[in-house]
Amino acid sequence: MKISLADLLNAFPALTWRERLHMMIRWRVCPLPAIAALVPPAGTILDLGCGHGLFSLLIARQSPARHVIGIDLDAAKIQLAESIAAPNLRFICADIAAQTDLPP
């Protein structure tokens, strides 16, 4: 399933121009669709250092059989990521180095 950057950005209810620009640059610089193709189609997927949740949203939308958990230390980015509505996607604001209860 091909998902466009515009589709992903439209999932965020309120992006500042800076956040939108950041995600657009990220999309162009990082091969996110190519990386997403390597992610298993089902199961629990952890996105460590998920930032605003752009990649998390991409892989969650590609397969409803994935349960995607995005984790990042930046509370502002997690707050924005939490504004995304997707049944198989959730976010945690935490230091991944201090997490002891991450799923396998």
PDB file of N, CA and C in Angstrom:
ATOM      1  N   MET A   1       0.844  -1.177   0.000  1.00  0.00           N
ATOM      2  CA  MET A   1       0.000   0.000   0.000  1.00  0.00           C
ATOM      3  C   MET A   1       0.893   1.245   0.000  1.00  0.00           C
ATOM      4  N   LYS A   2       0.689   2.092  -0.986  1.00  0.00           N
ATOM      5  CA  LYS A   2       1.476   3.319  -1.074  1.00  0.00           C
ATOM      6  C   LYS A   2       0.768   4.440  -0.325  1.00  0.00           C
ATOM      7  N   ILE A   3       1.490   5.058   0.587  1.00  0.00           N
ATOM      8  CA  ILE A   3       0.962   6.157   1.391  1.00  0.00           C
ATOM      9  C   ILE A   3       1.829   7.373   1.109  1.00  0.00           C
ATOM     10  N   SER A   4       1.184   8.476   0.785  1.00  0.00           N
ATOM     11  CA  SER A   4       1.938   9.683   0.436  1.00  0.00           C
ATOM     12  C   SER A   4       2.263  10.509   1.681  1.00  0.00           C
ATOM     13  N   LEU A   5       3.242  11.362   1.526  1.00  0.00           N
ATOM     14  CA  LEU A   5       3.595  12.288   2.605  1.00  0.00           C
ATOM     15  C   LEU A   5       2.411  13.186   2.936  1.00  0.00           C
ATOM     16  N   ALA A   6       1.689  13.634   1.928  1.00  0.00           N
ATOM     17  CA  ALA A   6       0.515  14.491   2.164  1.00  0.00           C
ATOM     18  C   ALA A   6      -0.518  13.773   3.031  1.00  0.00           C
ATOM     19  N   ASP A   7      -0.751  12.483   2.761  1.00  0.00           N
ATOM     20  CA  ASP A   7      -1.685  11.701   3.577  1.00  0.00           C
ATOM     21  C   ASP A   7      -1.238  11.668   5.034  1.00  0.00           C
ATOM     22  N   LEU A   8       0.047  11.463   5.243  1.00  0.00           N
ATOM     23  CA  LEU A   8       0.579  11.391   6.604  1.00  0.00           C
ATOM     24  C   LEU A   8       0.478  12.742   7.304  1.00  0.00           C
ATOM     25  N   LEU A   9       0.864  13.801   6.619  1.00  0.00           N
ATOM     26  CA  LEU A   9       0.821  15.129   7.235  1.00  0.00           C
ATOM     27  C   LEU A   9      -0.611  15.540   7.565  1.00  0.00           C
ATOM     28  N   ASN A  10      -1.567  15.124   6.752  1.00  0.00           N
ATOM     29  CA  ASN A  10      -2.969  15.442   7.013  1.00  0.00           C
ATOM     30  C   ASN A  10      -3.511  14.747   8.262  1.00  0.00           C
ATOM     31  N   ALA A  11      -2.814  13.727   8.739  1.00  0.00           N
ATOM     32  CA  ALA A  11      -3.246  13.022   9.953  1.00  0.00           C
ATOM     33  C   ALA A  11      -2.987  13.834  11.214  1.00  0.00           C
ATOM     34  N   PHE A  12      -2.077  14.793  11.111  1.00  0.00           N
ATOM     35  CA  PHE A  12      -1.765  15.651  12.259  1.00  0.00           C
ATOM     36  C   PHE A  12      -2.745  16.826  12.252  1.00  0.00           C
ATOM     37  N   PRO A  13      -3.550  16.976  13.302  1.00  0.00           N
ATOM     38  CA  PRO A  13      -4.571  18.026  13.290  1.00  0.00           C
ATOM     39  C   PRO A  13      -4.026  19.458  13.277  1.00  0.00           C
ATOM     40  N   ALA A  14      -2.866  19.671  13.862  1.00  0.00           N
ATOM     41  CA  ALA A  14      -2.342  21.046  13.924  1.00  0.00           C
ATOM     42  C   ALA A  14      -0.820  21.014  13.889  1.00  0.00           C
ATOM     43  N   LEU A  15      -0.275  21.271  12.716  1.00  0.00           N
ATOM     44  CA  LEU A  15       1.177  21.342  12.573  1.00  0.00           C
ATOM     45  C   LEU A  15       1.582  22.795  12.378  1.00  0.00           C
ATOM     46  N   THR A  16       2.648  23.200  13.043  1.00  0.00           N
ATOM     47  CA  THR A  16       3.211  24.510  12.758  1.00  0.00           C
ATOM     48  C   THR A  16       3.957  24.399  11.433  1.00  0.00           C
ATOM     49  N   TRP A  17       4.260  25.514  10.818  1.00  0.00           N
ATOM     50  CA  TRP A  17       5.001  25.460   9.548  1.00  0.00           C
ATOM     51  C   TRP A  17       6.372  24.840   9.762  1.00  0.00           C
ATOM     52  N   ARG A  18       6.943  25.061  10.953  1.00  0.00           N
ATOM     53  CA  ARG A  18       8.262  24.504  11.270  1.00  0.00           C
ATOM     54  C   ARG A  18       8.212  22.978  11.365  1.00  0.00           C
ATOM     55  N   GLU A  19       7.181  22.459  12.043  1.00  0.00           N
ATOM     56  CA  GLU A  19       7.025  21.007  12.175  1.00  0.00           C
ATOM     57  C   GLU A  19       6.763  20.375  10.810  1.00  0.00           C
ATOM     58  N   ARG A  20       5.911  21.019  10.027  1.00  0.00           N
ATOM     59  CA  ARG A  20       5.607  20.515   8.681  1.00  0.00           C
ATOM     60  C   ARG A  20       6.873  20.483   7.816  1.00  0.00           C
ATOM     61  N   LEU A  21       7.649  21.563   7.857  1.00  0.00           N
ATOM     62  CA  LEU A  21       8.885  21.626   7.092  1.00  0.00           C
ATOM     63  C   LEU A  21       9.871  20.552   7.552  1.00  0.00           C
ATOM     64  N   HIS A  22       9.979  20.375   8.863  1.00  0.00           N
ATOM     65  CA  HIS A  22      10.871  19.351   9.416  1.00  0.00           C
ATOM     66  C   HIS A  22      10.495  17.962   8.874  1.00  0.00           C
ATOM     67  N   MET A  23       9.207  17.655   8.891  1.00  0.00           N
ATOM     68  CA  MET A  23       8.757  16.341   8.415  1.00  0.00           C
ATOM     69  C   MET A  23       8.950  16.189   6.915  1.00  0.00           C
ATOM     70  N   MET A  24       8.746  17.259   6.177  1.00  0.00           N
ATOM     71  CA  MET A  24       8.953  17.195   4.719  1.00  0.00           C
ATOM     72  C   MET A  24      10.425  16.940   4.395  1.00  0.00           C
ATOM     73  N   ILE A  25      11.313  17.606   5.104  1.00  0.00           N
ATOM     74  CA  ILE A  25      12.749  17.392   4.895  1.00  0.00           C
ATOM     75  C   ILE A  25      13.126  15.974   5.306  1.00  0.00           C
ATOM     76  N   ARG A  26      12.607  15.532   6.429  1.00  0.00           N
ATOM     77  CA  ARG A  26      12.886  14.175   6.918  1.00  0.00           C
ATOM     78  C   ARG A  26      12.479  13.135   5.869  1.00  0.00           C
ATOM     79  N   TRP A  27      11.316  13.345   5.276  1.00  0.00           N
ATOM     80  CA  TRP A  27      10.793  12.430   4.256  1.00  0.00           C
ATOM     81  C   TRP A  27      11.713  12.378   3.040  1.00  0.00           C
ATOM     82  N   ARG A  28      12.250  13.529   2.662  1.00  0.00           N
ATOM     83  CA  ARG A  28      13.122  13.596   1.481  1.00  0.00           C
ATOM     84  C   ARG A  28      14.521  13.039   1.755  1.00  0.00           C
ATOM     85  N   VAL A  29      15.012  13.242   2.975  1.00  0.00           N
ATOM     86  CA  VAL A  29      16.378  12.842   3.319  1.00  0.00           C
ATOM     87  C   VAL A  29      16.467  11.377   3.726  1.00  0.00           C
ATOM     88  N   CYS A  30      15.484  10.903   4.434  1.00  0.00           N
ATOM     89  CA  CYS A  30      15.489   9.520   4.937  1.00  0.00           C
ATOM     90  C   CYS A  30      14.619   8.640   4.031  1.00  0.00           C
ATOM     91  N   PRO A  31      15.063   7.460   3.695  1.00  0.00           N
ATOM     92  CA  PRO A  31      14.272   6.576   2.831  1.00  0.00           C
ATOM     93  C   PRO A  31      13.191   5.836   3.637  1.00  0.00           C
ATOM     94  N   LEU A  32      12.266   6.589   4.228  1.00  0.00           N
ATOM     95  CA  LEU A  32      11.278   5.988   5.119  1.00  0.00           C
ATOM     96  C   LEU A  32      10.437   4.899   4.452  1.00  0.00           C
ATOM     97  N   PRO A  33       9.920   5.092   3.233  1.00  0.00           N
ATOM     98  CA  PRO A  33       9.162   3.996   2.612  1.00  0.00           C
ATOM     99  C   PRO A  33      10.005   2.733   2.383  1.00  0.00           C
ATOM    100  N   ALA A  34      11.267   2.908   2.034  1.00  0.00           N
ATOM    101  CA  ALA A  34      12.139   1.747   1.820  1.00  0.00           C
ATOM    102  C   ALA A  34      12.401   1.022   3.139  1.00  0.00           C
ATOM    103  N   ILE A  35      12.581   1.771   4.205  1.00  0.00           N
ATOM    104  CA  ILE A  35      12.789   1.162   5.524  1.00  0.00           C
ATOM    105  C   ILE A  35      11.507   0.462   5.968  1.00  0.00           C
ATOM    106  N   ALA A  36      10.367   1.102   5.740  1.00  0.00           N
ATOM    107  CA  ALA A  36       9.081   0.525   6.133  1.00  0.00           C
ATOM    108  C   ALA A  36       8.841  -0.813   5.446  1.00  0.00           C
ATOM    109  N   ALA A  37       9.338  -0.960   4.233  1.00  0.00           N
ATOM    110  CA  ALA A  37       9.171  -2.229   3.498  1.00  0.00           C
ATOM    111  C   ALA A  37       9.888  -3.380   4.192  1.00  0.00           C
ATOM    112  N   LEU A  38      10.842  -3.084   5.054  1.00  0.00           N
ATOM    113  CA  LEU A  38      11.606  -4.116   5.755  1.00  0.00           C
ATOM    114  C   LEU A  38      11.003  -4.487   7.113  1.00  0.00           C
ATOM    115  N   VAL A  39       9.991  -3.750   7.533  1.00  0.00           N
ATOM    116  CA  VAL A  39       9.354  -3.988   8.830  1.00  0.00           C
ATOM    117  C   VAL A  39       8.370  -5.154   8.697  1.00  0.00           C
ATOM    118  N   PRO A  40       8.371  -6.075   9.660  1.00  0.00           N
ATOM    119  CA  PRO A  40       7.429  -7.197   9.588  1.00  0.00           C
ATOM    120  C   PRO A  40       5.983  -6.693   9.461  1.00  0.00           C
ATOM    121  N   PRO A  41       5.141  -7.389   8.717  1.00  0.00           N
ATOM    122  CA  PRO A  41       3.772  -6.923   8.473  1.00  0.00           C
ATOM    123  C   PRO A  41       2.830  -7.064   9.666  1.00  0.00           C
ATOM    124  N   ALA A  42       3.257  -7.782  10.696  1.00  0.00           N
ATOM    125  CA  ALA A  42       2.392  -7.983  11.861  1.00  0.00           C
ATOM    126  C   ALA A  42       3.239  -8.061  13.125  1.00  0.00           C
ATOM    127  N   GLY A  43       2.595  -7.803  14.245  1.00  0.00           N
ATOM    128  CA  GLY A  43       3.271  -7.900  15.532  1.00  0.00           C
ATOM    129  C   GLY A  43       3.471  -6.538  16.164  1.00  0.00           C
ATOM    130  N   THR A  44       4.148  -6.548  17.298  1.00  0.00           N
ATOM    131  CA  THR A  44       4.449  -5.310  18.007  1.00  0.00           C
ATOM    132  C   THR A  44       5.742  -4.731  17.454  1.00  0.00           C
ATOM    133  N   ILE A  45       5.680  -3.483  17.029  1.00  0.00           N
ATOM    134  CA  ILE A  45       6.830  -2.798  16.449  1.00  0.00           C
ATOM    135  C   ILE A  45       7.156  -1.599  17.334  1.00  0.00           C
ATOM    136  N   LEU A  46       8.400  -1.517  17.798  1.00  0.00           N
ATOM    137  CA  LEU A  46       8.841  -0.372  18.595  1.00  0.00           C
ATOM    138  C   LEU A  46       9.604   0.590  17.698  1.00  0.00           C
ATOM    139  N   ASP A  47       9.221   1.854  17.739  1.00  0.00           N
ATOM    140  CA  ASP A  47       9.945   2.901  17.020  1.00  0.00           C
ATOM    141  C   ASP A  47      10.657   3.732  18.076  1.00  0.00           C
ATOM    142  N   LEU A  48      11.918   3.397  18.327  1.00  0.00           N
ATOM    143  CA  LEU A  48      12.701   4.066  19.366  1.00  0.00           C
ATOM    144  C   LEU A  48      13.268   5.366  18.824  1.00  0.00           C
ATOM    145  N   GLY A  49      12.999   6.453  19.530  1.00  0.00           N
ATOM    146  CA  GLY A  49      13.404   7.771  19.048  1.00  0.00           C
ATOM    147  C   GLY A  49      12.468   8.222  17.937  1.00  0.00           C
ATOM    148  N   CYS A  50      11.174   8.064  18.136  1.00  0.00           N
ATOM    149  CA  CYS A  50      10.170   8.283  17.084  1.00  0.00           C
ATOM    150  C   CYS A  50       9.933   9.742  16.718  1.00  0.00           C
ATOM    151  N   GLY A  51      10.413  10.668  17.539  1.00  0.00           N
ATOM    152  CA  GLY A  51      10.201  12.083  17.231  1.00  0.00           C
ATOM    153  C   GLY A  51       8.727  12.430  17.155  1.00  0.00           C
ATOM    154  N   HIS A  52       8.325  13.059  16.052  1.00  0.00           N
ATOM    155  CA  HIS A  52       6.932  13.482  15.857  1.00  0.00           C
ATOM    156  C   HIS A  52       6.007  12.319  15.503  1.00  0.00           C
ATOM    157  N   GLY A  53       6.566  11.158  15.201  1.00  0.00           N
ATOM    158  CA  GLY A  53       5.753   9.986  14.908  1.00  0.00           C
ATOM    159  C   GLY A  53       5.461   9.755  13.433  1.00  0.00           C
ATOM    160  N   LEU A  54       6.176  10.414  12.543  1.00  0.00           N
ATOM    161  CA  LEU A  54       5.923  10.271  11.112  1.00  0.00           C
ATOM    162  C   LEU A  54       6.135   8.829  10.638  1.00  0.00           C
ATOM    163  N   PHE A  55       7.278   8.236  10.983  1.00  0.00           N
ATOM    164  CA  PHE A  55       7.547   6.853  10.567  1.00  0.00           C
ATOM    165  C   PHE A  55       6.601   5.884  11.273  1.00  0.00           C
ATOM    166  N   SER A  56       6.332   6.122  12.537  1.00  0.00           N
ATOM    167  CA  SER A  56       5.386   5.271  13.282  1.00  0.00           C
ATOM    168  C   SER A  56       4.031   5.247  12.588  1.00  0.00           C
ATOM    169  N   LEU A  57       3.571   6.429  12.187  1.00  0.00           N
ATOM    170  CA  LEU A  57       2.283   6.521  11.499  1.00  0.00           C
ATOM    171  C   LEU A  57       2.328   5.781  10.162  1.00  0.00           C
ATOM    172  N   LEU A  58       3.396   5.949   9.426  1.00  0.00           N
ATOM    173  CA  LEU A  58       3.535   5.266   8.135  1.00  0.00           C
ATOM    174  C   LEU A  58       3.397   3.759   8.294  1.00  0.00           C
ATOM    175  N   ILE A  59       4.154   3.180   9.205  1.00  0.00           N
ATOM    176  CA  ILE A  59       4.113   1.715   9.325  1.00  0.00           C
ATOM    177  C   ILE A  59       2.807   1.229   9.950  1.00  0.00           C
ATOM    178  N   ALA A  60       2.190   2.039  10.800  1.00  0.00           N
ATOM    179  CA  ALA A  60       0.887   1.662  11.366  1.00  0.00           C
ATOM    180  C   ALA A  60      -0.188   1.656  10.277  1.00  0.00           C
ATOM    181  N   ARG A  61      -0.132   2.637   9.400  1.00  0.00           N
ATOM    182  CA  ARG A  61      -1.126   2.708   8.316  1.00  0.00           C
ATOM    183  C   ARG A  61      -0.925   1.620   7.268  1.00  0.00           C
ATOM    184  N   GLN A  62       0.307   1.201   7.064  1.00  0.00           N
ATOM    185  CA  GLN A  62       0.574   0.178   6.057  1.00  0.00           C
ATOM    186  C   GLN A  62      -0.024  -1.173   6.417  1.00  0.00           C
ATOM    187  N   SER A  63      -0.130  -1.455   7.716  1.00  0.00           N
ATOM    188  CA  SER A  63      -0.643  -2.764   8.123  1.00  0.00           C
ATOM    189  C   SER A  63      -1.378  -2.661   9.456  1.00  0.00           C
ATOM    190  N   PRO A  64      -2.698  -2.896   9.448  1.00  0.00           N
ATOM    191  CA  PRO A  64      -3.442  -2.880  10.707  1.00  0.00           C
ATOM    192  C   PRO A  64      -3.063  -4.033  11.640  1.00  0.00           C
ATOM    193  N   ALA A  65      -2.297  -5.002  11.133  1.00  0.00           N
ATOM    194  CA  ALA A  65      -1.850  -6.119  11.964  1.00  0.00           C
ATOM    195  C   ALA A  65      -0.627  -5.745  12.798  1.00  0.00           C
ATOM    196  N   ARG A  66      -0.103  -4.551  12.582  1.00  0.00           N
ATOM    197  CA  ARG A  66       1.021  -4.060  13.397  1.00  0.00           C
ATOM    198  C   ARG A  66       0.465  -3.260  14.570  1.00  0.00           C
ATOM    199  N   HIS A  67       1.053  -3.476  15.721  1.00  0.00           N
ATOM    200  CA  HIS A  67       0.781  -2.648  16.892  1.00  0.00           C
ATOM    201  C   HIS A  67       2.052  -1.825  17.096  1.00  0.00           C
ATOM    202  N   VAL A  68       2.007  -0.538  16.739  1.00  0.00           N
ATOM    203  CA  VAL A  68       3.199   0.303  16.727  1.00  0.00           C
ATOM    204  C   VAL A  68       3.247   1.157  17.989  1.00  0.00           C
ATOM    205  N   ILE A  69       4.402   1.127  18.648  1.00  0.00           N
ATOM    206  CA  ILE A  69       4.632   1.934  19.842  1.00  0.00           C
ATOM    207  C   ILE A  69       5.827   2.834  19.565  1.00  0.00           C
ATOM    208  N   GLY A  70       5.586   4.138  19.574  1.00  0.00           N
ATOM    209  CA  GLY A  70       6.651   5.113  19.376  1.00  0.00           C
ATOM    210  C   GLY A  70       7.107   5.644  20.728  1.00  0.00           C
ATOM    211  N   ILE A  71       8.409   5.689  20.923  1.00  0.00           N
ATOM    212  CA  ILE A  71       8.980   6.165  22.193  1.00  0.00           C
ATOM    213  C   ILE A  71      10.003   7.251  21.898  1.00  0.00           C
ATOM    214  N   ASP A  72       9.883   8.366  22.629  1.00  0.00           N
ATOM    215  CA  ASP A  72      10.836   9.455  22.468  1.00  0.00           C
ATOM    216  C   ASP A  72      10.948  10.215  23.785  1.00  0.00           C
ATOM    217  N   LEU A  73      12.082  10.827  24.006  1.00  0.00           N
ATOM    218  CA  LEU A  73      12.349  11.591  25.222  1.00  0.00           C
ATOM    219  C   LEU A  73      11.768  12.998  25.166  1.00  0.00           C
ATOM    220  N   ASP A  74      11.558  13.531  23.961  1.00  0.00           N
ATOM    221  CA  ASP A  74      11.092  14.905  23.774  1.00  0.00           C
ATOM    222  C   ASP A  74       9.572  14.989  23.973  1.00  0.00           C
ATOM    223  N   ALA A  75       9.167  15.574  25.084  1.00  0.00           N
ATOM    224  CA  ALA A  75       7.738  15.650  25.439  1.00  0.00           C
ATOM    225  C   ALA A  75       6.928  16.432  24.414  1.00  0.00           C
ATOM    226  N   ALA A  76       7.492  17.490  23.836  1.00  0.00           N
ATOM    227  CA  ALA A  76       6.763  18.289  22.848  1.00  0.00           C
ATOM    228  C   ALA A  76       6.486  17.468  21.586  1.00  0.00           C
ATOM    229  N   LYS A  77       7.466  16.692  21.170  1.00  0.00           N
ATOM    230  CA  LYS A  77       7.264  15.854  19.979  1.00  0.00           C
ATOM    231  C   LYS A  77       6.243  14.751  20.253  1.00  0.00           C
ATOM    232  N   ILE A  78       6.304  14.167  21.421  1.00  0.00           N
ATOM    233  CA  ILE A  78       5.330  13.124  21.779  1.00  0.00           C
ATOM    234  C   ILE A  78       3.930  13.708  21.885  1.00  0.00           C
ATOM    235  N   GLN A  79       3.822  14.905  22.406  1.00  0.00           N
ATOM    236  CA  GLN A  79       2.501  15.550  22.500  1.00  0.00           C
ATOM    237  C   GLN A  79       1.889  15.713  21.106  1.00  0.00           C
ATOM    238  N   LEU A  80       2.711  16.131  20.152  1.00  0.00           N
ATOM    239  CA  LEU A  80       2.222  16.254  18.778  1.00  0.00           C
ATOM    240  C   LEU A  80       1.877  14.874  18.209  1.00  0.00           C
ATOM    241  N   ALA A  81       2.736  13.901  18.444  1.00  0.00           N
ATOM    242  CA  ALA A  81       2.489  12.544  17.939  1.00  0.00           C
ATOM    243  C   ALA A  81       1.189  11.965  18.504  1.00  0.00           C
ATOM    244  N   GLU A  82       0.904  12.258  19.748  1.00  0.00           N
ATOM    245  CA  GLU A  82      -0.314  11.738  20.378  1.00  0.00           C
ATOM    246  C   GLU A  82      -1.591  12.314  19.780  1.00  0.00           C
ATOM    247  N   SER A  83      -1.470  13.371  19.001  1.00  0.00           N
ATOM    248  CA  SER A  83      -2.651  13.944  18.361  1.00  0.00           C
ATOM    249  C   SER A  83      -3.104  13.123  17.155  1.00  0.00           C
ATOM    250  N   ILE A  84      -2.286  12.157  16.738  1.00  0.00           N
ATOM    251  CA  ILE A  84      -2.636  11.280  15.617  1.00  0.00           C
ATOM    252  C   ILE A  84      -3.651  10.248  16.101  1.00  0.00           C
ATOM    253  N   ALA A  85      -4.688  10.065  15.337  1.00  0.00           N
ATOM    254  CA  ALA A  85      -5.700   9.063  15.682  1.00  0.00           C
ATOM    255  C   ALA A  85      -5.493   7.821  14.828  1.00  0.00           C
ATOM    256  N   ALA A  86      -5.055   6.751  15.456  1.00  0.00           N
ATOM    257  CA  ALA A  86      -4.898   5.465  14.767  1.00  0.00           C
ATOM    258  C   ALA A  86      -5.063   4.363  15.817  1.00  0.00           C
ATOM    259  N   PRO A  87      -5.896   3.370  15.535  1.00  0.00           N
ATOM    260  CA  PRO A  87      -6.176   2.341  16.546  1.00  0.00           C
ATOM    261  C   PRO A  87      -4.985   1.452  16.896  1.00  0.00           C
ATOM    262  N   ASN A  88      -4.022   1.335  16.008  1.00  0.00           N
ATOM    263  CA  ASN A  88      -2.884   0.439  16.244  1.00  0.00           C
ATOM    264  C   ASN A  88      -1.595   1.209  16.513  1.00  0.00           C
ATOM    265  N   LEU A  89      -1.731   2.411  17.057  1.00  0.00           N
ATOM    266  CA  LEU A  89      -0.576   3.279  17.261  1.00  0.00           C
ATOM    267  C   LEU A  89      -0.695   3.993  18.601  1.00  0.00           C
ATOM    268  N   ARG A  90       0.409   3.952  19.360  1.00  0.00           N
ATOM    269  CA  ARG A  90       0.446   4.728  20.606  1.00  0.00           C
ATOM    270  C   ARG A  90       1.854   5.235  20.837  1.00  0.00           C
ATOM    271  N   PHE A  91       1.951   6.234  21.700  1.00  0.00           N
ATOM    272  CA  PHE A  91       3.234   6.881  21.952  1.00  0.00           C
ATOM    273  C   PHE A  91       3.509   6.962  23.444  1.00  0.00           C
ATOM    274  N   ILE A  92       4.791   6.914  23.780  1.00  0.00           N
ATOM    275  CA  ILE A  92       5.247   6.998  25.170  1.00  0.00           C
ATOM    276  C   ILE A  92       6.373   8.014  25.229  1.00  0.00           C
ATOM    277  N   CYS A  93       6.283   8.924  26.180  1.00  0.00           N
ATOM    278  CA  CYS A  93       7.372   9.864  26.411  1.00  0.00           C
ATOM    279  C   CYS A  93       8.246   9.272  27.506  1.00  0.00           C
ATOM    280  N   ALA A  94       9.439   8.836  27.140  1.00  0.00           N
ATOM    281  CA  ALA A  94      10.317   8.181  28.103  1.00  0.00           C
ATOM    282  C   ALA A  94      11.733   8.105  27.563  1.00  0.00           C
ATOM    283  N   ASP A  95      12.655   7.876  28.470  1.00  0.00           N
ATOM    284  CA  ASP A  95      14.050   7.625  28.125  1.00  0.00           C
ATOM    285  C   ASP A  95      14.163   6.135  27.828  1.00  0.00           C
ATOM    286  N   ILE A  96      14.443   5.784  26.585  1.00  0.00           N
ATOM    287  CA  ILE A  96      14.466   4.365  26.218  1.00  0.00           C
ATOM    288  C   ILE A  96      15.547   3.594  26.965  1.00  0.00           C
ATOM    289  N   ALA A  97      16.611   4.273  27.374  1.00  0.00           N
ATOM    290  CA  ALA A  97      17.680   3.607  28.116  1.00  0.00           C
ATOM    291  C   ALA A  97      17.215   3.202  29.509  1.00  0.00           C
ATOM    292  N   ALA A  98      16.191   3.879  30.028  1.00  0.00           N
ATOM    293  CA  ALA A  98      15.698   3.578  31.368  1.00  0.00           C
ATOM    294  C   ALA A  98      14.505   2.636  31.364  1.00  0.00           C
ATOM    295  N   GLN A  99      14.027   2.259  30.182  1.00  0.00           N
ATOM    296  CA  GLN A  99      12.860   1.393  30.091  1.00  0.00           C
ATOM    297  C   GLN A  99      13.256  -0.068  30.331  1.00  0.00           C
ATOM    298  N   THR A 100      12.557  -0.700  31.249  1.00  0.00           N
ATOM    299  CA  THR A 100      12.835  -2.113  31.537  1.00  0.00           C
ATOM    300  C   THR A 100      11.670  -3.006  31.133  1.00  0.00           C
ATOM    301  N   ASP A 101      10.547  -2.402  30.757  1.00  0.00           N
ATOM    302  CA  ASP A 101       9.372  -3.202  30.444  1.00  0.00           C
ATOM    303  C   ASP A 101       8.948  -3.083  28.977  1.00  0.00           C
ATOM    304  N   LEU A 102       9.905  -2.930  28.082  1.00  0.00           N
ATOM    305  CA  LEU A 102       9.587  -2.864  26.659  1.00  0.00           C
ATOM    306  C   LEU A 102       9.178  -4.249  26.162  1.00  0.00           C
ATOM    307  N   PRO A 103       8.191  -4.284  25.263  1.00  0.00           N
ATOM    308  CA  PRO A 103       7.814  -5.584  24.715  1.00  0.00           C
ATOM    309  C   PRO A 103       8.927  -6.174  23.863  1.00  0.00           C
ATOM    310  N   PRO A 104       8.943  -7.500  23.728  1.00  0.00           N
ATOM    311  CA  PRO A 104       9.982  -8.131  22.896  1.00  0.00           C
ATOM    312  C   PRO A 104       9.853  -7.751  21.435  1.00  0.00           C
TER     313      PRO A 104
END
